[in-house]
Amino acid sequence: MSKLLNIAELFPTKLSAFVFFAYIALFVNQGILVTATKEADSKYSYSTVTVVMLIECLKLFICSSVFIREFSFMKLLSSIVSNSKVLMLYFVPAFMYSLYNNLTFVNLSIFDPTTYYLLMQIRVVITGVVFQVLFKKQLSKKQWFSLILLTLGCIVKQLHTTPYVPQDDGTKLSSTTPHMYFYFLLILLQVFCSCFAGVYNEYLLKDAGADVHLMLQNVFMYLDSIVCNFIVLLLNGEARTAFSTESLESVFKPLVIAVMINGSACGIVTSVFLKNLNSILKTFAGALDLIFTATMCWIVFGIPIDRYTVISIAIVLYATYLYSQNPVVNKGRLETASTEKAEDREKLIDESTVV
């Protein structure tokens, strides 16, 4: 009976369960697709910044279309104006996600997908800290133990990880060279972006922007992301060439188009995930990516599964099981208020019955 209650807390609705597994499937697929677009020298034959920009444009088009279909185009414009403060607040996670999305391509050119996802699980403890600070919600000892155990699983994998550097001779990087530490620093930067953006996005969805329609919040996010990515293009000196005929020809290939479509779905599902669940559970969903990613990489790319990977996955799975026994529940401002009102109403009914 208690296990059923834990599952009910973990997935309060059928939609939340569907979103959880859809999130895992889409992100596993994204890692595989991005790796499949690499050349033999671990470089990309297309502008990754252009691809990230097009993904944001596609997400903006989808969410705007959904909102306009439900309401109207004029309603969209008036809502943007009336919620301009929330629009500006979204620049914080938009900037972080822009860095995160661009670093995804960089780091997947260095690490195989399984190693990449394992190293990214360092974000779990950081997410826990940011979550506590932003939502003022204390995690239990059992929840913290599961988070630390998850991080330990990543450390085990890291002990036997030597990244590849995209060089002309395709050589493997020595584990003692300064470059190796630089690439691990890039992973840490991406981890920080993932943690802070995820928790802050959840805060906007459930608190600061709780009164704003989900699709409108997505429109805010992707508008701001397009601005941030344009700044990245300027800094890279690609603003003029990003959408040239040559650049677009390299982008509009079947596999790269699949990356863009799947990437768009990842972004939209993430917002639904954070709205219905929470950023702590999101990190555990990311951890479960590992099993499927390791299996798919072995099947598709022939990347071996060594004993360090097996031990890491086993630790991550056990940590996930522990967490599922005592999950974090973060309903958000509106849902909490409605729950409190319902409880007050029940108390009044009980009191009137007694009288």
Protein backbone atom coordinates (compact mmCIF):
# COMPACT_ATOMS: atom_id res chain seq x y z
CA MET A 1 0.00 0.00 0.00
CA SER A 2 2.83 2.41 0.92
CA LYS A 3 4.53 1.71 -2.42
CA LEU A 4 1.35 2.68 -4.24
CA LEU A 5 1.21 5.91 -2.22
CA ASN A 6 4.82 6.67 -3.16
CA ILE A 7 4.03 6.14 -6.84
CA ALA A 8 0.98 8.39 -6.50
CA GLU A 9 3.21 11.11 -5.02
CA LEU A 10 5.80 10.56 -7.74
CA PHE A 11 3.23 10.68 -10.58
CA PRO A 12 0.04 12.43 -9.35
CA THR A 13 -1.63 12.13 -12.79
CA LYS A 14 -1.42 9.92 -15.89
CA LEU A 15 -0.14 12.96 -17.81
CA SER A 16 2.79 13.39 -15.40
CA ALA A 17 3.79 9.72 -15.85
CA PHE A 18 3.59 10.07 -19.66
CA VAL A 19 5.65 13.29 -19.57
CA PHE A 20 8.29 11.61 -17.37
CA PHE A 21 8.89 8.74 -19.79
CA ALA A 22 8.56 10.98 -22.87
CA TYR A 23 11.27 13.21 -21.39
CA ILE A 24 13.62 10.22 -21.01
CA ALA A 25 12.93 8.92 -24.54
CA LEU A 26 13.44 12.32 -26.19
CA PHE A 27 16.71 13.11 -24.41
CA VAL A 28 18.17 9.66 -25.07
CA ASN A 29 17.23 10.14 -28.72
CA GLN A 30 18.82 13.61 -28.78
CA GLY A 31 22.18 12.32 -27.55
CA ILE A 32 22.17 9.54 -30.15
CA LEU A 33 21.14 11.88 -33.00
CA VAL A 34 23.74 14.55 -32.18
CA THR A 35 26.47 11.89 -32.00
CA ALA A 36 25.31 10.44 -35.34
CA THR A 37 25.84 13.84 -37.03
CA LYS A 38 29.54 13.96 -36.06
CA GLU A 39 32.23 13.45 -38.68
CA ALA A 40 35.05 10.91 -38.32
CA ASP A 41 37.25 13.58 -36.69
CA SER A 42 34.53 14.27 -34.06
CA LYS A 43 33.69 17.64 -35.66
CA TYR A 44 30.35 18.80 -37.08
CA SER A 45 29.89 19.64 -40.76
CA TYR A 46 27.31 22.29 -39.88
CA SER A 47 27.06 25.34 -37.62
CA THR A 48 25.81 24.08 -34.27
CA VAL A 49 24.92 27.64 -33.19
CA THR A 50 22.66 27.95 -36.27
CA VAL A 51 21.00 24.64 -35.38
CA VAL A 52 20.36 25.82 -31.80
CA MET A 53 18.86 29.06 -33.15
CA LEU A 54 16.59 27.15 -35.56
CA ILE A 55 15.47 24.83 -32.74
CA GLU A 56 14.42 27.89 -30.70
CA CYS A 57 12.57 29.33 -33.72
CA LEU A 58 10.75 26.02 -34.25
CA LYS A 59 9.74 25.85 -30.56
CA LEU A 60 8.52 29.45 -30.71
CA PHE A 61 6.43 28.68 -33.82
CA ILE A 62 4.85 25.57 -32.24
CA CYS A 63 3.97 27.23 -28.91
CA SER A 64 2.70 30.42 -30.57
CA SER A 65 0.51 28.35 -32.91
CA VAL A 66 -0.96 26.37 -30.00
CA PHE A 67 -1.72 29.57 -28.05
CA ILE A 68 -3.22 31.36 -31.10
CA ARG A 69 -5.37 28.34 -31.92
CA GLU A 70 -6.78 28.29 -28.37
CA PHE A 71 -7.21 32.08 -28.13
CA SER A 72 -6.21 34.51 -30.93
CA PHE A 73 -3.24 36.37 -32.38
CA MET A 74 -4.40 39.64 -30.79
CA LYS A 75 -4.68 37.85 -27.43
CA LEU A 76 -1.07 36.70 -27.85
CA LEU A 77 0.14 40.27 -28.47
CA SER A 78 -1.88 41.76 -25.60
CA SER A 79 -0.72 39.00 -23.23
CA ILE A 80 2.93 39.64 -24.09
CA VAL A 81 2.47 43.36 -23.31
CA SER A 82 0.51 42.78 -20.08
CA ASN A 83 3.02 40.19 -18.83
CA SER A 84 6.17 42.05 -19.89
CA LYS A 85 7.69 41.63 -16.40
CA VAL A 86 7.51 37.83 -16.69
CA LEU A 87 8.94 38.11 -20.22
CA MET A 88 11.98 39.94 -18.82
CA LEU A 89 12.38 37.42 -15.98
CA TYR A 90 12.64 34.64 -18.57
CA PHE A 91 15.91 36.13 -19.85
CA VAL A 92 17.67 34.44 -16.89
CA PRO A 93 16.79 30.80 -17.76
CA ALA A 94 16.86 31.64 -21.49
CA PHE A 95 20.50 32.73 -21.24
CA MET A 96 21.38 29.63 -19.21
CA TYR A 97 19.58 27.29 -21.61
CA SER A 98 21.30 28.97 -24.60
CA LEU A 99 24.68 28.20 -23.05
CA TYR A 100 23.49 24.70 -22.15
CA ASN A 101 22.25 23.90 -25.68
CA ASN A 102 25.43 25.15 -27.35
CA LEU A 103 27.63 23.28 -24.86
CA THR A 104 25.68 20.07 -25.61
CA PHE A 105 27.18 19.96 -29.10
CA VAL A 106 30.67 20.82 -27.81
CA ASN A 107 30.65 18.19 -25.06
CA LEU A 108 29.12 15.46 -27.22
CA SER A 109 31.98 16.00 -29.68
CA ILE A 110 34.39 15.18 -26.83
CA PHE A 111 32.57 12.46 -24.85
CA ASP A 112 30.47 9.51 -25.97
CA PRO A 113 26.75 9.88 -25.04
CA THR A 114 26.88 7.44 -22.08
CA THR A 115 29.88 9.19 -20.49
CA TYR A 116 28.33 12.59 -21.21
CA TYR A 117 25.05 11.74 -19.45
CA LEU A 118 26.88 10.17 -16.51
CA LEU A 119 29.05 13.24 -15.99
CA MET A 120 26.00 15.48 -16.29
CA GLN A 121 24.52 13.78 -13.22
CA ILE A 122 26.84 15.91 -11.07
CA ARG A 123 24.00 18.45 -11.41
CA VAL A 124 21.87 16.46 -8.97
CA VAL A 125 23.40 17.80 -5.74
CA ILE A 126 23.66 21.34 -7.15
CA THR A 127 19.99 21.17 -8.17
CA GLY A 128 19.12 20.11 -4.63
CA VAL A 129 20.89 23.14 -3.14
CA VAL A 130 19.38 25.64 -5.63
CA PHE A 131 15.93 24.04 -5.15
CA GLN A 132 16.11 24.50 -1.37
CA VAL A 133 17.22 28.14 -1.66
CA LEU A 134 14.71 29.19 -4.33
CA PHE A 135 11.63 27.33 -3.05
CA LYS A 136 12.57 27.42 0.67
CA LYS A 137 11.72 23.70 0.79
CA GLN A 138 14.04 21.55 2.93
CA LEU A 139 15.01 18.13 1.56
CA SER A 140 14.96 15.17 3.96
CA LYS A 141 18.08 13.18 4.91
CA LYS A 142 16.91 10.29 2.72
CA GLN A 143 16.45 12.62 -0.25
CA TRP A 144 19.92 14.11 0.26
CA PHE A 145 21.43 10.63 0.61
CA SER A 146 19.91 9.58 -2.72
CA LEU A 147 21.26 12.77 -4.36
CA ILE A 148 24.79 12.21 -2.99
CA LEU A 149 24.67 8.53 -4.00
CA LEU A 150 23.73 9.60 -7.52
CA THR A 151 26.75 11.93 -7.63
CA LEU A 152 28.97 9.08 -6.40
CA GLY A 153 27.82 7.03 -9.38
CA CYS A 154 29.11 9.80 -11.66
CA ILE A 155 32.48 9.92 -9.89
CA VAL A 156 32.96 6.16 -10.43
CA LYS A 157 32.45 6.63 -14.17
CA GLN A 158 34.73 9.68 -14.25
CA LEU A 159 37.63 7.64 -12.80
CA HIS A 160 37.87 5.79 -16.11
CA THR A 161 36.96 8.59 -18.53
CA THR A 162 39.41 9.97 -21.08
CA PRO A 163 37.83 12.46 -23.47
CA TYR A 164 38.46 12.60 -27.20
CA VAL A 165 39.54 15.89 -28.70
CA PRO A 166 38.39 16.82 -32.22
CA GLN A 167 41.87 16.95 -33.78
CA ASP A 168 42.96 16.29 -37.33
CA ASP A 169 44.68 13.03 -36.38
CA GLY A 170 41.77 11.93 -34.16
CA THR A 171 44.12 11.14 -31.27
CA LYS A 172 42.90 10.45 -27.78
CA LEU A 173 43.68 13.02 -25.12
CA SER A 174 46.00 12.03 -22.27
CA SER A 175 44.32 12.03 -18.89
CA THR A 176 47.10 14.31 -17.55
CA THR A 177 46.97 17.11 -20.15
CA PRO A 178 45.54 20.54 -19.29
CA HIS A 179 43.00 20.15 -22.11
CA MET A 180 41.31 17.29 -20.24
CA TYR A 181 40.61 19.55 -17.27
CA PHE A 182 39.32 22.24 -19.61
CA TYR A 183 36.75 19.83 -21.09
CA PHE A 184 35.65 18.73 -17.62
CA LEU A 185 35.25 22.43 -16.76
CA LEU A 186 32.95 22.73 -19.79
CA ILE A 187 30.88 19.87 -18.37
CA LEU A 188 30.73 21.66 -15.00
CA LEU A 189 29.63 24.88 -16.73
CA GLN A 190 26.88 22.98 -18.55
CA VAL A 191 25.89 21.33 -15.26
CA PHE A 192 25.53 24.73 -13.58
CA CYS A 193 23.45 26.07 -16.49
CA SER A 194 21.19 23.00 -16.33
CA CYS A 195 20.70 23.24 -12.56
CA PHE A 196 20.05 26.95 -12.27
CA ALA A 197 17.95 27.23 -15.44
CA GLY A 198 15.82 24.21 -14.53
CA VAL A 199 15.04 25.31 -10.98
CA TYR A 200 14.53 28.97 -11.94
CA ASN A 201 12.27 27.93 -14.82
CA GLU A 202 10.22 25.84 -12.37
CA TYR A 203 10.04 28.89 -10.07
CA LEU A 204 8.65 31.03 -12.93
CA LEU A 205 6.17 28.33 -13.99
CA LYS A 206 4.84 27.70 -10.48
CA ASP A 207 5.34 30.99 -8.67
CA ALA A 208 6.29 34.27 -10.38
CA GLY A 209 4.44 33.37 -13.59
CA ALA A 210 1.88 30.93 -12.18
CA ASP A 211 -1.03 33.02 -13.53
CA VAL A 212 0.38 32.98 -17.08
CA HIS A 213 -0.68 30.29 -19.60
CA LEU A 214 1.97 27.55 -20.04
CA MET A 215 2.28 28.06 -23.80
CA LEU A 216 2.61 31.82 -23.33
CA GLN A 217 5.43 31.21 -20.84
CA ASN A 218 7.07 29.00 -23.47
CA VAL A 219 6.72 31.85 -25.99
CA PHE A 220 8.52 34.14 -23.51
CA MET A 221 11.29 31.58 -23.02
CA TYR A 222 11.89 31.04 -26.74
CA LEU A 223 11.71 34.74 -27.66
CA ASP A 224 14.38 35.44 -25.05
CA SER A 225 16.39 32.39 -26.15
CA ILE A 226 16.44 33.64 -29.76
CA VAL A 227 17.84 36.99 -28.55
CA CYS A 228 20.49 35.18 -26.46
CA ASN A 229 21.46 32.88 -29.33
CA PHE A 230 21.76 35.85 -31.68
CA ILE A 231 24.25 37.36 -29.21
CA VAL A 232 26.18 34.05 -29.32
CA LEU A 233 26.23 34.28 -33.13
CA LEU A 234 27.63 37.82 -32.88
CA LEU A 235 30.32 36.74 -30.40
CA ASN A 236 31.28 33.79 -32.65
CA GLY A 237 31.42 36.07 -35.69
CA GLU A 238 28.75 33.92 -37.37
CA ALA A 239 25.93 36.50 -37.51
CA ARG A 240 26.41 37.10 -41.25
CA THR A 241 27.16 33.53 -42.31
CA ALA A 242 24.75 31.64 -40.00
CA PHE A 243 21.86 31.79 -42.46
CA SER A 244 23.80 31.89 -45.72
CA THR A 245 22.89 29.44 -48.50
CA GLU A 246 25.95 27.31 -47.74
CA SER A 247 25.19 27.20 -44.01
CA LEU A 248 21.52 26.30 -44.52
CA GLU A 249 22.44 23.57 -47.02
CA SER A 250 24.66 21.94 -44.39
CA VAL A 251 21.86 22.22 -41.81
CA PHE A 252 18.94 20.93 -43.86
CA LYS A 253 20.05 17.31 -44.02
CA PRO A 254 17.85 14.44 -42.74
CA LEU A 255 19.83 13.72 -39.56
CA VAL A 256 20.32 17.39 -38.65
CA ILE A 257 16.61 18.07 -39.27
CA ALA A 258 15.85 15.14 -36.94
CA VAL A 259 18.11 16.78 -34.31
CA MET A 260 16.15 20.03 -34.64
CA ILE A 261 12.71 18.38 -34.45
CA ASN A 262 13.69 16.18 -31.50
CA GLY A 263 15.40 19.13 -29.79
CA SER A 264 12.22 21.19 -30.12
CA ALA A 265 10.18 18.38 -28.56
CA CYS A 266 12.74 18.14 -25.71
CA GLY A 267 12.30 21.82 -24.89
CA ILE A 268 8.50 21.79 -24.89
CA VAL A 269 8.27 18.54 -22.89
CA THR A 270 10.73 19.99 -20.33
CA SER A 271 8.39 22.92 -19.65
CA VAL A 272 5.42 20.55 -19.20
CA PHE A 273 7.62 18.37 -16.94
CA LEU A 274 8.55 21.29 -14.68
CA LYS A 275 4.94 22.51 -14.59
CA ASN A 276 3.52 19.11 -13.58
CA LEU A 277 6.46 17.62 -11.65
CA ASN A 278 9.68 19.29 -10.39
CA SER A 279 13.35 19.89 -11.16
CA ILE A 280 14.55 17.28 -8.62
CA LEU A 281 12.61 14.51 -10.38
CA LYS A 282 13.89 15.91 -13.69
CA THR A 283 17.47 15.16 -12.63
CA PHE A 284 16.49 11.57 -11.82
CA ALA A 285 14.82 11.24 -15.22
CA GLY A 286 18.14 12.36 -16.67
CA ALA A 287 19.90 9.67 -14.64
CA LEU A 288 17.61 6.98 -16.04
CA ASP A 289 18.66 8.08 -19.53
CA LEU A 290 21.91 6.27 -18.83
CA ILE A 291 20.63 2.71 -19.19
CA PHE A 292 18.95 3.35 -22.51
CA THR A 293 21.79 5.56 -23.79
CA ALA A 294 24.45 2.95 -22.94
CA THR A 295 22.43 0.20 -24.64
CA MET A 296 21.66 2.29 -27.75
CA CYS A 297 25.29 3.46 -28.09
CA TRP A 298 26.47 -0.14 -27.92
CA ILE A 299 23.95 -1.18 -30.60
CA VAL A 300 24.29 1.85 -32.93
CA PHE A 301 27.92 2.97 -32.50
CA GLY A 302 29.57 -0.12 -31.01
CA ILE A 303 30.70 1.84 -27.93
CA PRO A 304 31.63 -0.81 -25.32
CA ILE A 305 30.00 -0.92 -21.88
CA ASP A 306 32.90 -1.35 -19.42
CA ARG A 307 32.68 -2.37 -15.76
CA TYR A 308 32.92 1.26 -14.58
CA THR A 309 29.84 2.11 -16.63
CA VAL A 310 27.96 -0.91 -15.23
CA ILE A 311 28.87 0.02 -11.62
CA SER A 312 27.90 3.65 -12.23
CA ILE A 313 24.54 2.72 -13.71
CA ALA A 314 23.87 0.31 -10.80
CA ILE A 315 24.58 3.07 -8.24
CA VAL A 316 22.43 5.56 -10.16
CA LEU A 317 19.53 3.08 -10.34
CA TYR A 318 19.71 2.37 -6.60
CA ALA A 319 19.80 6.11 -5.85
CA THR A 320 16.74 6.58 -8.06
CA TYR A 321 14.93 3.78 -6.22
CA LEU A 322 15.72 5.40 -2.84
CA TYR A 323 14.43 8.74 -4.06
CA SER A 324 11.20 7.17 -5.36
CA GLN A 325 10.46 6.02 -1.79
CA ASN A 326 10.43 9.62 -0.57
CA PRO A 327 9.94 12.00 -3.53
CA VAL A 328 9.86 15.80 -3.42
CA VAL A 329 6.40 17.30 -3.94
CA ASN A 330 6.36 20.91 -5.17
CA LYS A 331 2.85 21.88 -6.24
CA GLY A 332 3.43 25.58 -6.84
CA ARG A 333 1.71 28.74 -5.62
CA LEU A 334 -1.71 28.35 -7.29
CA GLU A 335 -2.14 24.64 -6.58
CA THR A 336 -1.02 25.09 -2.97
CA ALA A 337 -3.49 27.95 -2.50
CA SER A 338 -6.37 25.90 -3.94
CA THR A 339 -5.42 22.94 -1.71
CA GLU A 340 -5.40 25.17 1.38
CA LYS A 341 -8.81 26.59 0.44
CA ALA A 342 -10.20 23.06 0.03
CA GLU A 343 -8.80 22.06 3.44
CA ASP A 344 -10.32 25.18 5.07
CA ARG A 345 -13.67 24.38 3.44
CA GLU A 346 -13.54 20.82 4.79
CA LYS A 347 -12.77 22.15 8.30
CA LEU A 348 -15.77 24.52 8.16
CA ILE A 349 -18.04 21.68 7.03
CA ASP A 350 -16.76 19.45 9.86
CA GLU A 351 -17.29 22.23 12.43
CA SER A 352 -20.82 22.96 11.20
CA THR A 353 -21.62 19.24 11.35
CA VAL A 354 -20.42 19.05 14.96
CA VAL A 355 -22.53 22.09 15.94
